[in-house]
Amino acid sequence: MIRIDALWLAAQPVDMRAGADRLLARVVQVFGCAQAHHGYLFANARTTRIKLLVHDGFGVWCAARRLNEGRFVWPREARADASAMVVTQQQFDALVLGLPWERLEQMKAISRM
């Protein structure tokens, strides 16, 4: 397995035709640099596809995912505080399944019937 110490989400959409080199250039543009053992998440404008770029210390890995139905839950640009945000492992696990990852803490306890 590839070690990932931190996951970053780019709020602005990216063209899913972009390969590893163009995504790496986008990482440098948005995040300042590509850190070793960090993963960078991107989505298309319709949030039906995502790509993960991981720098493993020697090179980069690029993985893509799309949902057969529905959309990924992604922060809207106007709602995002910045162009990038940190995502926890639990949030990432929910995000790639298309679940509401931003509300994980709220969903841990039932407070209304």
Protein backbone atom coordinates (compact mmCIF):
# COMPACT_ATOMS: atom_id res chain seq x y z
CA MET A 1 0.00 0.00 0.00
CA ILE A 2 1.04 3.57 -0.57
CA ARG A 3 1.49 5.52 2.66
CA ILE A 4 -0.66 8.66 2.83
CA ASP A 5 -0.09 10.89 5.86
CA ALA A 6 -2.38 13.75 4.81
CA LEU A 7 -5.24 14.17 2.34
CA TRP A 8 -5.98 17.51 0.72
CA LEU A 9 -9.09 18.43 -1.24
CA ALA A 10 -8.99 21.04 -4.03
CA ALA A 11 -12.34 22.87 -3.99
CA GLN A 12 -12.18 24.15 -7.57
CA PRO A 13 -13.08 21.71 -10.35
CA VAL A 14 -10.48 20.25 -12.71
CA ASP A 15 -10.71 18.80 -16.20
CA MET A 16 -10.78 15.01 -15.77
CA ARG A 17 -8.79 14.56 -18.98
CA ALA A 18 -5.81 15.84 -17.00
CA GLY A 19 -3.14 13.25 -16.41
CA ALA A 20 -0.62 12.96 -13.60
CA ASP A 21 1.64 15.74 -14.95
CA ARG A 22 -1.13 18.30 -15.32
CA LEU A 23 -2.57 17.38 -11.91
CA LEU A 24 0.88 17.72 -10.38
CA ALA A 25 1.15 21.21 -11.88
CA ARG A 26 -2.27 22.00 -10.38
CA VAL A 27 -1.09 20.72 -6.97
CA VAL A 28 1.88 23.09 -7.09
CA GLN A 29 -0.43 25.94 -8.16
CA VAL A 30 -3.09 25.32 -5.49
CA PHE A 31 -1.08 23.89 -2.59
CA GLY A 32 2.35 25.47 -3.19
CA CYS A 33 4.19 22.16 -3.54
CA ALA A 34 3.58 18.41 -3.60
CA GLN A 35 4.60 16.95 -0.25
CA ALA A 36 5.82 13.35 -0.02
CA HIS A 37 3.17 10.96 1.34
CA HIS A 38 0.36 13.45 0.78
CA GLY A 39 -2.72 12.80 -1.34
CA TYR A 40 -4.50 15.47 -3.37
CA LEU A 41 -8.16 15.09 -4.38
CA PHE A 42 -9.75 16.75 -7.41
CA ALA A 43 -13.26 16.59 -8.88
CA ASN A 44 -14.81 17.57 -12.18
CA ALA A 45 -17.34 20.42 -12.39
CA ARG A 46 -20.34 18.04 -12.14
CA THR A 47 -18.74 16.16 -9.20
CA THR A 48 -19.41 12.83 -10.90
CA ARG A 49 -15.71 11.93 -11.06
CA ILE A 50 -12.75 12.36 -8.74
CA LYS A 51 -9.01 11.87 -9.08
CA LEU A 52 -6.47 11.29 -6.34
CA LEU A 53 -2.83 12.20 -6.90
CA VAL A 54 -0.34 10.81 -4.37
CA HIS A 55 3.34 11.70 -4.13
CA ASP A 56 5.07 8.66 -2.59
CA GLY A 57 8.51 10.25 -2.22
CA PHE A 58 9.81 8.83 -5.52
CA GLY A 59 7.08 9.61 -8.02
CA VAL A 60 3.34 10.19 -8.30
CA TRP A 61 0.38 7.85 -8.42
CA CYS A 62 -2.92 8.85 -9.99
CA ALA A 63 -6.22 7.08 -9.32
CA ALA A 64 -9.68 7.88 -10.67
CA ARG A 65 -13.17 7.03 -9.43
CA ARG A 66 -16.65 7.69 -10.71
CA LEU A 67 -20.07 6.89 -9.35
CA ASN A 68 -22.55 4.98 -11.49
CA GLU A 69 -25.34 7.14 -10.08
CA GLY A 70 -25.41 10.40 -8.19
CA ARG A 71 -22.59 12.78 -7.36
CA PHE A 72 -19.76 13.07 -4.91
CA VAL A 73 -20.36 15.46 -2.01
CA TRP A 74 -17.96 18.31 -2.74
CA PRO A 75 -17.66 21.78 -1.19
CA ARG A 76 -18.97 24.51 -3.41
CA GLU A 77 -16.37 27.14 -4.32
CA ALA A 78 -18.44 29.92 -2.76
CA ARG A 79 -18.79 27.94 0.47
CA ALA A 80 -15.18 26.84 0.70
CA ASP A 81 -13.02 29.02 2.94
CA ALA A 82 -10.03 28.55 0.66
CA SER A 83 -9.15 26.77 -2.54
CA ALA A 84 -7.96 23.73 -0.53
CA MET A 85 -8.86 21.91 2.67
CA VAL A 86 -7.60 18.99 4.76
CA VAL A 87 -9.66 15.79 4.77
CA THR A 88 -9.38 13.09 7.46
CA GLN A 89 -9.15 9.40 6.61
CA GLN A 90 -12.76 8.85 7.78
CA GLN A 91 -13.96 11.77 5.66
CA PHE A 92 -12.04 10.41 2.65
CA ASP A 93 -13.57 6.95 3.12
CA ALA A 94 -17.07 8.48 3.15
CA LEU A 95 -16.31 10.86 0.27
CA VAL A 96 -15.23 8.14 -2.17
CA LEU A 97 -18.48 6.28 -1.46
CA GLY A 98 -20.54 9.39 -2.19
CA LEU A 99 -21.64 9.86 1.43
CA PRO A 100 -22.04 13.23 3.22
CA TRP A 101 -18.50 13.28 4.62
CA GLU A 102 -18.74 16.85 5.95
CA ARG A 103 -21.41 15.78 8.46
CA LEU A 104 -19.69 12.72 9.97
CA GLU A 105 -19.51 14.24 13.46
CA GLN A 106 -23.21 15.17 13.39
CA MET A 107 -24.16 11.70 12.21
CA LYS A 108 -22.43 9.93 15.16
CA ALA A 109 -25.29 10.73 17.54
CA ILE A 110 -29.05 10.81 17.04
CA SER A 111 -30.51 13.86 18.74
CA ARG A 112 -34.02 14.02 17.23
CA MET A 113 -36.80 11.57 16.60
